[in-house]
């Protein structure tokens, strides 16, 4: 969370970062930070494969189609980016130290 050190320290008014960094920072420092607005943009993710590896390309395309159809991909996105249930796996009582200048 070193991205938010300047905001926490009063040296900056705002920060922009990729998810879930802003959501986590707002949760950890709820008295000093708040989320405003929504995402500035969404970026697609991709796999790079050799164009002549037709079997692998077909396998990956079929897997993505099947996992999209059965809701797995939506569920994974919701779990990791829609909430913080996954943080129960970690000790969240310790706050990260501010970045050294």
PDB file of N, CA and C in Angstrom:
ATOM      1  N   UNK A   1       0.817  -1.195   0.000  1.00  0.00           N
ATOM      2  CA  UNK A   1       0.000   0.000   0.000  1.00  0.00           C
ATOM      3  C   UNK A   1       0.857   1.254   0.000  1.00  0.00           C
ATOM      4  N   UNK A   2       2.106   1.132  -0.369  1.00  0.00           N
ATOM      5  CA  UNK A   2       2.969   2.306  -0.346  1.00  0.00           C
ATOM      6  C   UNK A   2       2.464   3.401  -1.275  1.00  0.00           C
ATOM      7  N   UNK A   3       1.600   3.056  -2.227  1.00  0.00           N
ATOM      8  CA  UNK A   3       1.030   4.057  -3.138  1.00  0.00           C
ATOM      9  C   UNK A   3       0.276   5.133  -2.366  1.00  0.00           C
ATOM     10  N   UNK A   4      -0.301   4.786  -1.243  1.00  0.00           N
ATOM     11  CA  UNK A   4      -1.132   5.754  -0.528  1.00  0.00           C
ATOM     12  C   UNK A   4      -0.369   6.493   0.558  1.00  0.00           C
ATOM     13  N   UNK A   5       0.923   6.244   0.701  1.00  0.00           N
ATOM     14  CA  UNK A   5       1.711   6.882   1.751  1.00  0.00           C
ATOM     15  C   UNK A   5       1.679   8.395   1.707  1.00  0.00           C
ATOM     16  N   UNK A   6       1.739   8.967   0.499  1.00  0.00           N
ATOM     17  CA  UNK A   6       1.730  10.428   0.374  1.00  0.00           C
ATOM     18  C   UNK A   6       0.381  11.006   0.784  1.00  0.00           C
ATOM     19  N   UNK A   7      -0.696  10.292   0.480  1.00  0.00           N
ATOM     20  CA  UNK A   7      -2.032  10.765   0.866  1.00  0.00           C
ATOM     21  C   UNK A   7      -2.193  10.667   2.378  1.00  0.00           C
ATOM     22  N   UNK A   8      -1.810   9.538   2.937  1.00  0.00           N
ATOM     23  CA  UNK A   8      -1.903   9.345   4.388  1.00  0.00           C
ATOM     24  C   UNK A   8      -1.041  10.383   5.105  1.00  0.00           C
ATOM     25  N   UNK A   9       0.151  10.664   4.563  1.00  0.00           N
ATOM     26  CA  UNK A   9       1.058  11.622   5.186  1.00  0.00           C
ATOM     27  C   UNK A   9       0.695  13.078   4.951  1.00  0.00           C
ATOM     28  N   UNK A  10      -0.340  13.337   4.128  1.00  0.00           N
ATOM     29  CA  UNK A  10      -0.772  14.703   3.878  1.00  0.00           C
ATOM     30  C   UNK A  10      -0.014  15.415   2.768  1.00  0.00           C
ATOM     31  N   UNK A  11       0.869  14.680   2.061  1.00  0.00           N
ATOM     32  CA  UNK A  11       1.642  15.292   0.984  1.00  0.00           C
ATOM     33  C   UNK A  11       0.927  15.250  -0.363  1.00  0.00           C
ATOM     34  N   UNK A  12      -0.183  14.542  -0.455  1.00  0.00           N
ATOM     35  CA  UNK A  12      -0.960  14.453  -1.702  1.00  0.00           C
ATOM     36  C   UNK A  12      -2.437  14.464  -1.361  1.00  0.00           C
ATOM     37  N   UNK A  13      -3.252  14.905  -2.295  1.00  0.00           N
ATOM     38  CA  UNK A  13      -4.695  14.992  -2.097  1.00  0.00           C
ATOM     39  C   UNK A  13      -5.416  13.721  -2.525  1.00  0.00           C
ATOM     40  N   UNK A  14      -4.816  12.974  -3.472  1.00  0.00           N
ATOM     41  CA  UNK A  14      -5.503  11.810  -4.031  1.00  0.00           C
ATOM     42  C   UNK A  14      -4.493  10.818  -4.589  1.00  0.00           C
ATOM     43  N   UNK A  15      -4.983   9.633  -4.931  1.00  0.00           N
ATOM     44  CA  UNK A  15      -4.166   8.630  -5.595  1.00  0.00           C
ATOM     45  C   UNK A  15      -5.017   7.882  -6.599  1.00  0.00           C
ATOM     46  N   UNK A  16      -4.359   7.355  -7.604  1.00  0.00           N
ATOM     47  CA  UNK A  16      -5.006   6.507  -8.600  1.00  0.00           C
ATOM     48  C   UNK A  16      -4.167   5.243  -8.686  1.00  0.00           C
ATOM     49  N   UNK A  17      -4.810   4.090  -8.637  1.00  0.00           N
ATOM     50  CA  UNK A  17      -4.090   2.823  -8.705  1.00  0.00           C
ATOM     51  C   UNK A  17      -5.020   1.747  -9.267  1.00  0.00           C
ATOM     52  N   UNK A  18      -4.430   0.632  -9.645  1.00  0.00           N
ATOM     53  CA  UNK A  18      -5.226  -0.478 -10.148  1.00  0.00           C
ATOM     54  C   UNK A  18      -5.894  -1.208  -8.989  1.00  0.00           C
ATOM     55  N   UNK A  19      -7.043  -1.794  -9.270  1.00  0.00           N
ATOM     56  CA  UNK A  19      -7.783  -2.556  -8.263  1.00  0.00           C
ATOM     57  C   UNK A  19      -6.988  -3.798  -7.893  1.00  0.00           C
ATOM     58  N   UNK A  20      -7.059  -4.207  -6.653  1.00  0.00           N
ATOM     59  CA  UNK A  20      -7.877  -3.709  -5.564  1.00  0.00           C
ATOM     60  C   UNK A  20      -7.148  -2.753  -4.620  1.00  0.00           C
ATOM     61  N   UNK A  21      -6.042  -2.151  -5.049  1.00  0.00           N
ATOM     62  CA  UNK A  21      -5.272  -1.272  -4.162  1.00  0.00           C
ATOM     63  C   UNK A  21      -6.103  -0.142  -3.563  1.00  0.00           C
ATOM     64  N   UNK A  22      -6.870   0.630  -4.357  1.00  0.00           N
ATOM     65  CA  UNK A  22      -7.642   1.718  -3.728  1.00  0.00           C
ATOM     66  C   UNK A  22      -8.692   1.211  -2.738  1.00  0.00           C
ATOM     67  N   UNK A  23      -9.339   0.108  -3.077  1.00  0.00           N
ATOM     68  CA  UNK A  23     -10.351  -0.448  -2.175  1.00  0.00           C
ATOM     69  C   UNK A  23      -9.720  -0.899  -0.857  1.00  0.00           C
ATOM     70  N   UNK A  24      -8.552  -1.536  -0.948  1.00  0.00           N
ATOM     71  CA  UNK A  24      -7.870  -1.982   0.271  1.00  0.00           C
ATOM     72  C   UNK A  24      -7.392  -0.790   1.088  1.00  0.00           C
ATOM     73  N   UNK A  25      -6.840   0.227   0.424  1.00  0.00           N
ATOM     74  CA  UNK A  25      -6.367   1.410   1.142  1.00  0.00           C
ATOM     75  C   UNK A  25      -7.519   2.097   1.859  1.00  0.00           C
ATOM     76  N   UNK A  26      -8.656   2.230   1.182  1.00  0.00           N
ATOM     77  CA  UNK A  26      -9.825   2.852   1.809  1.00  0.00           C
ATOM     78  C   UNK A  26     -10.295   2.039   3.002  1.00  0.00           C
ATOM     79  N   UNK A  27     -10.180   0.727   2.904  1.00  0.00           N
ATOM     80  CA  UNK A  27     -10.602  -0.122   4.019  1.00  0.00           C
ATOM     81  C   UNK A  27      -9.625  -0.019   5.190  1.00  0.00           C
ATOM     82  N   UNK A  28      -8.325  -0.040   4.899  1.00  0.00           N
ATOM     83  CA  UNK A  28      -7.321   0.012   5.958  1.00  0.00           C
ATOM     84  C   UNK A  28      -7.267   1.372   6.646  1.00  0.00           C
ATOM     85  N   UNK A  29      -7.479   2.433   5.873  1.00  0.00           N
ATOM     86  CA  UNK A  29      -7.349   3.784   6.399  1.00  0.00           C
ATOM     87  C   UNK A  29      -8.679   4.524   6.301  1.00  0.00           C
ATOM     88  N   UNK A  30      -9.735   3.903   6.764  1.00  0.00           N
ATOM     89  CA  UNK A  30     -11.085   4.447   6.578  1.00  0.00           C
ATOM     90  C   UNK A  30     -11.263   5.847   7.161  1.00  0.00           C
ATOM     91  N   UNK A  31     -10.476   6.218   8.147  1.00  0.00           N
ATOM     92  CA  UNK A  31     -10.614   7.557   8.729  1.00  0.00           C
ATOM     93  C   UNK A  31      -9.949   8.626   7.866  1.00  0.00           C
ATOM     94  N   UNK A  32      -9.019   8.220   6.975  1.00  0.00           N
ATOM     95  CA  UNK A  32      -8.275   9.193   6.184  1.00  0.00           C
ATOM     96  C   UNK A  32      -8.560   9.114   4.683  1.00  0.00           C
ATOM     97  N   UNK A  33      -9.079   8.009   4.203  1.00  0.00           N
ATOM     98  CA  UNK A  33      -9.297   7.827   2.766  1.00  0.00           C
ATOM     99  C   UNK A  33     -10.739   7.452   2.465  1.00  0.00           C
ATOM    100  N   UNK A  34     -11.209   7.862   1.314  1.00  0.00           N
ATOM    101  CA  UNK A  34     -12.521   7.448   0.846  1.00  0.00           C
ATOM    102  C   UNK A  34     -12.459   7.259  -0.661  1.00  0.00           C
ATOM    103  N   UNK A  35     -13.224   6.329  -1.165  1.00  0.00           N
ATOM    104  CA  UNK A  35     -13.309   6.083  -2.604  1.00  0.00           C
ATOM    105  C   UNK A  35     -14.323   7.057  -3.188  1.00  0.00           C
ATOM    106  N   UNK A  36     -13.997   7.632  -4.333  1.00  0.00           N
ATOM    107  CA  UNK A  36     -14.932   8.504  -5.038  1.00  0.00           C
ATOM    108  C   UNK A  36     -15.028   8.035  -6.483  1.00  0.00           C
ATOM    109  N   UNK A  37     -16.219   8.092  -7.035  1.00  0.00           N
ATOM    110  CA  UNK A  37     -16.406   7.693  -8.426  1.00  0.00           C
ATOM    111  C   UNK A  37     -16.206   6.208  -8.632  1.00  0.00           C
ATOM    112  N   UNK A  38     -16.132   5.835  -9.876  1.00  0.00           N
ATOM    113  CA  UNK A  38     -15.936   4.437 -10.236  1.00  0.00           C
ATOM    114  C   UNK A  38     -14.623   4.260 -10.969  1.00  0.00           C
ATOM    115  N   UNK A  39     -14.439   3.099 -11.568  1.00  0.00           N
ATOM    116  CA  UNK A  39     -13.192   2.852 -12.301  1.00  0.00           C
ATOM    117  C   UNK A  39     -12.999   3.870 -13.426  1.00  0.00           C
ATOM    118  N   UNK A  40     -11.760   4.297 -13.629  1.00  0.00           N
ATOM    119  CA  UNK A  40     -11.454   5.213 -14.731  1.00  0.00           C
ATOM    120  C   UNK A  40     -11.502   4.473 -16.071  1.00  0.00           C
ATOM    121  N   UNK A  41     -11.073   3.211 -16.049  1.00  0.00           N
ATOM    122  CA  UNK A  41     -11.139   2.393 -17.253  1.00  0.00           C
ATOM    123  C   UNK A  41     -11.049   0.931 -16.875  1.00  0.00           C
ATOM    124  N   UNK A  42     -11.429   0.100 -17.790  1.00  0.00           N
ATOM    125  CA  UNK A  42     -11.311  -1.347 -17.617  1.00  0.00           C
ATOM    126  C   UNK A  42     -10.409  -1.864 -18.720  1.00  0.00           C
ATOM    127  N   UNK A  43      -9.532  -2.790 -18.371  1.00  0.00           N
ATOM    128  CA  UNK A  43      -8.616  -3.321 -19.366  1.00  0.00           C
ATOM    129  C   UNK A  43      -8.853  -4.812 -19.554  1.00  0.00           C
ATOM    130  N   UNK A  44      -8.835  -5.260 -20.790  1.00  0.00           N
ATOM    131  CA  UNK A  44      -8.972  -6.694 -21.028  1.00  0.00           C
ATOM    132  C   UNK A  44      -7.655  -7.408 -20.729  1.00  0.00           C
ATOM    133  N   UNK A  45      -7.759  -8.622 -20.324  1.00  0.00           N
ATOM    134  CA  UNK A  45      -6.578  -9.448 -20.093  1.00  0.00           C
ATOM    135  C   UNK A  45      -6.460 -10.420 -21.256  1.00  0.00           C
ATOM    136  N   UNK A  46      -5.268 -10.927 -21.498  1.00  0.00           N
ATOM    137  CA  UNK A  46      -5.068 -11.786 -22.663  1.00  0.00           C
ATOM    138  C   UNK A  46      -4.000 -12.832 -22.390  1.00  0.00           C
ATOM    139  N   UNK A  47      -4.035 -13.885 -23.175  1.00  0.00           N
ATOM    140  CA  UNK A  47      -3.009 -14.913 -23.193  1.00  0.00           C
ATOM    141  C   UNK A  47      -2.276 -14.805 -24.525  1.00  0.00           C
ATOM    142  N   UNK A  48      -0.973 -14.974 -24.522  1.00  0.00           N
ATOM    143  CA  UNK A  48      -0.211 -15.009 -25.766  1.00  0.00           C
ATOM    144  C   UNK A  48       0.142 -16.459 -26.058  1.00  0.00           C
ATOM    145  N   UNK A  49      -0.177 -16.893 -27.266  1.00  0.00           N
ATOM    146  CA  UNK A  49       0.106 -18.270 -27.677  1.00  0.00           C
ATOM    147  C   UNK A  49       0.655 -18.268 -29.087  1.00  0.00           C
ATOM    148  N   UNK A  50       1.403 -19.290 -29.397  1.00  0.00           N
ATOM    149  CA  UNK A  50       1.909 -19.426 -30.762  1.00  0.00           C
ATOM    150  C   UNK A  50       0.726 -19.629 -31.703  1.00  0.00           C
ATOM    151  N   UNK A  51       0.683 -18.909 -32.808  1.00  0.00           N
ATOM    152  CA  UNK A  51      -0.463 -19.027 -33.721  1.00  0.00           C
ATOM    153  C   UNK A  51      -0.595 -20.401 -34.367  1.00  0.00           C
ATOM    154  N   UNK A  52       0.488 -21.163 -34.409  1.00  0.00           N
ATOM    155  CA  UNK A  52       0.414 -22.495 -35.028  1.00  0.00           C
ATOM    156  C   UNK A  52       0.039 -23.590 -34.032  1.00  0.00           C
ATOM    157  N   UNK A  53      -0.158 -23.243 -32.751  1.00  0.00           N
ATOM    158  CA  UNK A  53      -0.550 -24.237 -31.751  1.00  0.00           C
ATOM    159  C   UNK A  53      -2.078 -24.270 -31.671  1.00  0.00           C
ATOM    160  N   UNK A  54      -2.689 -24.786 -32.711  1.00  0.00           N
ATOM    161  CA  UNK A  54      -4.141 -24.782 -32.858  1.00  0.00           C
ATOM    162  C   UNK A  54      -4.829 -25.539 -31.728  1.00  0.00           C
ATOM    163  N   UNK A  55      -4.245 -26.652 -31.293  1.00  0.00           N
ATOM    164  CA  UNK A  55      -4.868 -27.437 -30.211  1.00  0.00           C
ATOM    165  C   UNK A  55      -4.907 -26.645 -28.911  1.00  0.00           C
ATOM    166  N   UNK A  56      -3.820 -25.973 -28.579  1.00  0.00           N
ATOM    167  CA  UNK A  56      -3.801 -25.178 -27.351  1.00  0.00           C
ATOM    168  C   UNK A  56      -4.779 -24.019 -27.450  1.00  0.00           C
ATOM    169  N   UNK A  57      -4.792 -23.329 -28.570  1.00  0.00           N
ATOM    170  CA  UNK A  57      -5.715 -22.208 -28.752  1.00  0.00           C
ATOM    171  C   UNK A  57      -7.156 -22.680 -28.612  1.00  0.00           C
ATOM    172  N   UNK A  58      -7.497 -23.794 -29.221  1.00  0.00           N
ATOM    173  CA  UNK A  58      -8.860 -24.328 -29.127  1.00  0.00           C
ATOM    174  C   UNK A  58      -9.190 -24.738 -27.703  1.00  0.00           C
ATOM    175  N   UNK A  59      -8.228 -25.365 -27.014  1.00  0.00           N
ATOM    176  CA  UNK A  59      -8.445 -25.774 -25.619  1.00  0.00           C
ATOM    177  C   UNK A  59      -8.730 -24.554 -24.743  1.00  0.00           C
ATOM    178  N   UNK A  60      -7.882 -23.526 -24.857  1.00  0.00           N
ATOM    179  CA  UNK A  60      -8.047 -22.325 -24.032  1.00  0.00           C
ATOM    180  C   UNK A  60      -9.373 -21.637 -24.358  1.00  0.00           C
ATOM    181  N   UNK A  61      -9.694 -21.492 -25.633  1.00  0.00           N
ATOM    182  CA  UNK A  61     -10.972 -20.875 -26.012  1.00  0.00           C
ATOM    183  C   UNK A  61     -12.158 -21.668 -25.456  1.00  0.00           C
ATOM    184  N   UNK A  62     -12.086 -23.001 -25.528  1.00  0.00           N
ATOM    185  CA  UNK A  62     -13.160 -23.838 -24.979  1.00  0.00           C
ATOM    186  C   UNK A  62     -13.255 -23.688 -23.463  1.00  0.00           C
ATOM    187  N   UNK A  63     -12.095 -23.644 -22.787  1.00  0.00           N
ATOM    188  CA  UNK A  63     -12.099 -23.494 -21.331  1.00  0.00           C
ATOM    189  C   UNK A  63     -12.716 -22.155 -20.936  1.00  0.00           C
ATOM    190  N   UNK A  64     -12.311 -21.070 -21.608  1.00  0.00           N
ATOM    191  CA  UNK A  64     -12.863 -19.753 -21.303  1.00  0.00           C
ATOM    192  C   UNK A  64     -14.369 -19.738 -21.548  1.00  0.00           C
ATOM    193  N   UNK A  65     -14.811 -20.313 -22.659  1.00  0.00           N
ATOM    194  CA  UNK A  65     -16.248 -20.368 -22.955  1.00  0.00           C
ATOM    195  C   UNK A  65     -17.025 -21.142 -21.906  1.00  0.00           C
ATOM    196  N   UNK A  66     -16.486 -22.308 -21.509  1.00  0.00           N
ATOM    197  CA  UNK A  66     -17.164 -23.136 -20.507  1.00  0.00           C
ATOM    198  C   UNK A  66     -17.201 -22.442 -19.146  1.00  0.00           C
ATOM    199  N   UNK A  67     -16.073 -21.832 -18.732  1.00  0.00           N
ATOM    200  CA  UNK A  67     -16.024 -21.155 -17.431  1.00  0.00           C
ATOM    201  C   UNK A  67     -16.837 -19.864 -17.433  1.00  0.00           C
ATOM    202  N   UNK A  68     -17.021 -19.251 -18.578  1.00  0.00           N
ATOM    203  CA  UNK A  68     -17.907 -18.089 -18.668  1.00  0.00           C
ATOM    204  C   UNK A  68     -19.357 -18.552 -18.550  1.00  0.00           C
ATOM    205  N   UNK A  69     -19.694 -19.622 -19.271  1.00  0.00           N
ATOM    206  CA  UNK A  69     -21.069 -20.136 -19.274  1.00  0.00           C
ATOM    207  C   UNK A  69     -21.505 -20.637 -17.896  1.00  0.00           C
ATOM    208  N   UNK A  70     -20.594 -21.290 -17.157  1.00  0.00           N
ATOM    209  CA  UNK A  70     -21.002 -21.835 -15.852  1.00  0.00           C
ATOM    210  C   UNK A  70     -20.858 -20.840 -14.702  1.00  0.00           C
ATOM    211  N   UNK A  71     -20.410 -19.606 -14.994  1.00  0.00           N
ATOM    212  CA  UNK A  71     -20.326 -18.564 -13.977  1.00  0.00           C
ATOM    213  C   UNK A  71     -19.042 -18.532 -13.174  1.00  0.00           C
ATOM    214  N   UNK A  72     -18.100 -19.434 -13.480  1.00  0.00           N
ATOM    215  CA  UNK A  72     -16.853 -19.487 -12.714  1.00  0.00           C
ATOM    216  C   UNK A  72     -16.071 -18.184 -12.806  1.00  0.00           C
ATOM    217  N   UNK A  73     -15.923 -17.651 -14.005  1.00  0.00           N
ATOM    218  CA  UNK A  73     -15.133 -16.430 -14.178  1.00  0.00           C
ATOM    219  C   UNK A  73     -15.789 -15.263 -13.444  1.00  0.00           C
ATOM    220  N   UNK A  74     -17.098 -15.143 -13.554  1.00  0.00           N
ATOM    221  CA  UNK A  74     -17.814 -14.081 -12.831  1.00  0.00           C
ATOM    222  C   UNK A  74     -17.643 -14.240 -11.325  1.00  0.00           C
ATOM    223  N   UNK A  75     -17.727 -15.473 -10.840  1.00  0.00           N
ATOM    224  CA  UNK A  75     -17.556 -15.731  -9.408  1.00  0.00           C
ATOM    225  C   UNK A  75     -16.160 -15.391  -8.918  1.00  0.00           C
ATOM    226  N   UNK A  76     -15.153 -15.721  -9.709  1.00  0.00           N
ATOM    227  CA  UNK A  76     -13.771 -15.403  -9.332  1.00  0.00           C
ATOM    228  C   UNK A  76     -13.566 -13.901  -9.298  1.00  0.00           C
ATOM    229  N   UNK A  77     -14.071 -13.214 -10.308  1.00  0.00           N
ATOM    230  CA  UNK A  77     -13.945 -11.744 -10.343  1.00  0.00           C
ATOM    231  C   UNK A  77     -14.651 -11.122  -9.138  1.00  0.00           C
ATOM    232  N   UNK A  78     -15.834 -11.617  -8.830  1.00  0.00           N
ATOM    233  CA  UNK A  78     -16.593 -11.090  -7.688  1.00  0.00           C
ATOM    234  C   UNK A  78     -15.836 -11.342  -6.381  1.00  0.00           C
ATOM    235  N   UNK A  79     -15.271 -12.542  -6.237  1.00  0.00           N
ATOM    236  CA  UNK A  79     -14.551 -12.895  -5.010  1.00  0.00           C
ATOM    237  C   UNK A  79     -13.335 -11.993  -4.795  1.00  0.00           C
ATOM    238  N   UNK A  80     -12.501 -11.829  -5.818  1.00  0.00           N
ATOM    239  CA  UNK A  80     -11.250 -11.097  -5.666  1.00  0.00           C
ATOM    240  C   UNK A  80     -11.415  -9.590  -5.750  1.00  0.00           C
ATOM    241  N   UNK A  81     -12.362  -9.093  -6.544  1.00  0.00           N
ATOM    242  CA  UNK A  81     -12.465  -7.654  -6.758  1.00  0.00           C
ATOM    243  C   UNK A  81     -13.763  -7.043  -6.240  1.00  0.00           C
ATOM    244  N   UNK A  82     -14.727  -7.833  -5.827  1.00  0.00           N
ATOM    245  CA  UNK A  82     -16.003  -7.313  -5.376  1.00  0.00           C
ATOM    246  C   UNK A  82     -16.171  -7.279  -3.879  1.00  0.00           C
ATOM    247  N   UNK A  83     -15.246  -7.837  -3.160  1.00  0.00           N
ATOM    248  CA  UNK A  83     -15.343  -7.875  -1.707  1.00  0.00           C
ATOM    249  C   UNK A  83     -14.004  -8.220  -1.092  1.00  0.00           C
ATOM    250  N   UNK A  84     -14.013  -8.430   0.192  1.00  0.00           N
ATOM    251  CA  UNK A  84     -12.754  -8.673   0.892  1.00  0.00           C
ATOM    252  C   UNK A  84     -12.782  -9.943   1.737  1.00  0.00           C
ATOM    253  N   UNK A  85     -13.635 -10.912   1.395  1.00  0.00           N
ATOM    254  CA  UNK A  85     -13.659 -12.169   2.145  1.00  0.00           C
ATOM    255  C   UNK A  85     -12.297 -12.851   2.123  1.00  0.00           C
ATOM    256  N   UNK A  86     -11.566 -12.683   1.015  1.00  0.00           N
ATOM    257  CA  UNK A  86     -10.265 -13.327   0.873  1.00  0.00           C
ATOM    258  C   UNK A  86      -9.240 -12.792   1.873  1.00  0.00           C
ATOM    259  N   UNK A  87      -9.473 -11.624   2.452  1.00  0.00           N
ATOM    260  CA  UNK A  87      -8.506 -11.074   3.398  1.00  0.00           C
ATOM    261  C   UNK A  87      -8.473 -11.857   4.698  1.00  0.00           C
ATOM    262  N   UNK A  88      -9.477 -12.697   4.936  1.00  0.00           N
ATOM    263  CA  UNK A  88      -9.468 -13.509   6.153  1.00  0.00           C
ATOM    264  C   UNK A  88      -8.296 -14.496   6.133  1.00  0.00           C
ATOM    265  N   UNK A  89      -7.690 -14.688   4.982  1.00  0.00           N
ATOM    266  CA  UNK A  89      -6.518 -15.573   4.875  1.00  0.00           C
ATOM    267  C   UNK A  89      -5.258 -14.906   5.419  1.00  0.00           C
ATOM    268  N   UNK A  90      -5.309 -13.605   5.665  1.00  0.00           N
ATOM    269  CA  UNK A  90      -4.134 -12.847   6.053  1.00  0.00           C
ATOM    270  C   UNK A  90      -4.365 -12.133   7.368  1.00  0.00           C
ATOM    271  N   UNK A  91      -3.280 -11.757   8.013  1.00  0.00           N
ATOM    272  CA  UNK A  91      -3.358 -10.933   9.209  1.00  0.00           C
ATOM    273  C   UNK A  91      -3.521  -9.493   8.746  1.00  0.00           C
ATOM    274  N   UNK A  92      -4.714  -8.957   8.863  1.00  0.00           N
ATOM    275  CA  UNK A  92      -4.981  -7.594   8.407  1.00  0.00           C
ATOM    276  C   UNK A  92      -4.954  -6.592   9.558  1.00  0.00           C
ATOM    277  N   UNK A  93      -4.530  -7.032  10.745  1.00  0.00           N
ATOM    278  CA  UNK A  93      -4.505  -6.102  11.866  1.00  0.00           C
ATOM    279  C   UNK A  93      -3.317  -5.134  11.794  1.00  0.00           C
ATOM    280  N   UNK A  94      -2.250  -5.537  11.119  1.00  0.00           N
ATOM    281  CA  UNK A  94      -1.079  -4.675  10.999  1.00  0.00           C
ATOM    282  C   UNK A  94      -1.230  -3.780   9.780  1.00  0.00           C
ATOM    283  N   UNK A  95      -1.051  -2.492   9.991  1.00  0.00           N
ATOM    284  CA  UNK A  95      -1.107  -1.526   8.885  1.00  0.00           C
ATOM    285  C   UNK A  95       0.261  -1.468   8.222  1.00  0.00           C
ATOM    286  N   UNK A  96       0.308  -1.335   6.898  1.00  0.00           N
ATOM    287  CA  UNK A  96       1.596  -1.220   6.220  1.00  0.00           C
ATOM    288  C   UNK A  96       2.305   0.082   6.596  1.00  0.00           C
ATOM    289  N   UNK A  97       3.604   0.049   6.589  1.00  0.00           N
ATOM    290  CA  UNK A  97       4.371   1.256   6.909  1.00  0.00           C
ATOM    291  C   UNK A  97       4.364   2.188   5.715  1.00  0.00           C
ATOM    292  N   UNK A  98       4.378   3.500   5.967  1.00  0.00           N
ATOM    293  CA  UNK A  98       4.440   4.459   4.850  1.00  0.00           C
ATOM    294  C   UNK A  98       5.743   4.290   4.065  1.00  0.00           C
ATOM    295  N   UNK A  99       5.701   4.647   2.794  1.00  0.00           N
ATOM    296  CA  UNK A  99       6.899   4.567   1.954  1.00  0.00           C
ATOM    297  C   UNK A  99       7.964   5.512   2.481  1.00  0.00           C
ATOM    298  N   UNK A 100       9.201   5.085   2.398  1.00  0.00           N
ATOM    299  CA  UNK A 100      10.316   5.939   2.822  1.00  0.00           C
ATOM    300  C   UNK A 100      10.614   6.932   1.709  1.00  0.00           C
ATOM    301  N   UNK A 101      10.888   8.147   2.098  1.00  0.00           N
ATOM    302  CA  UNK A 101      11.160   9.200   1.098  1.00  0.00           C
ATOM    303  C   UNK A 101      12.629   9.425   0.919  1.00  0.00           C
TER     304      UNK A 101
END
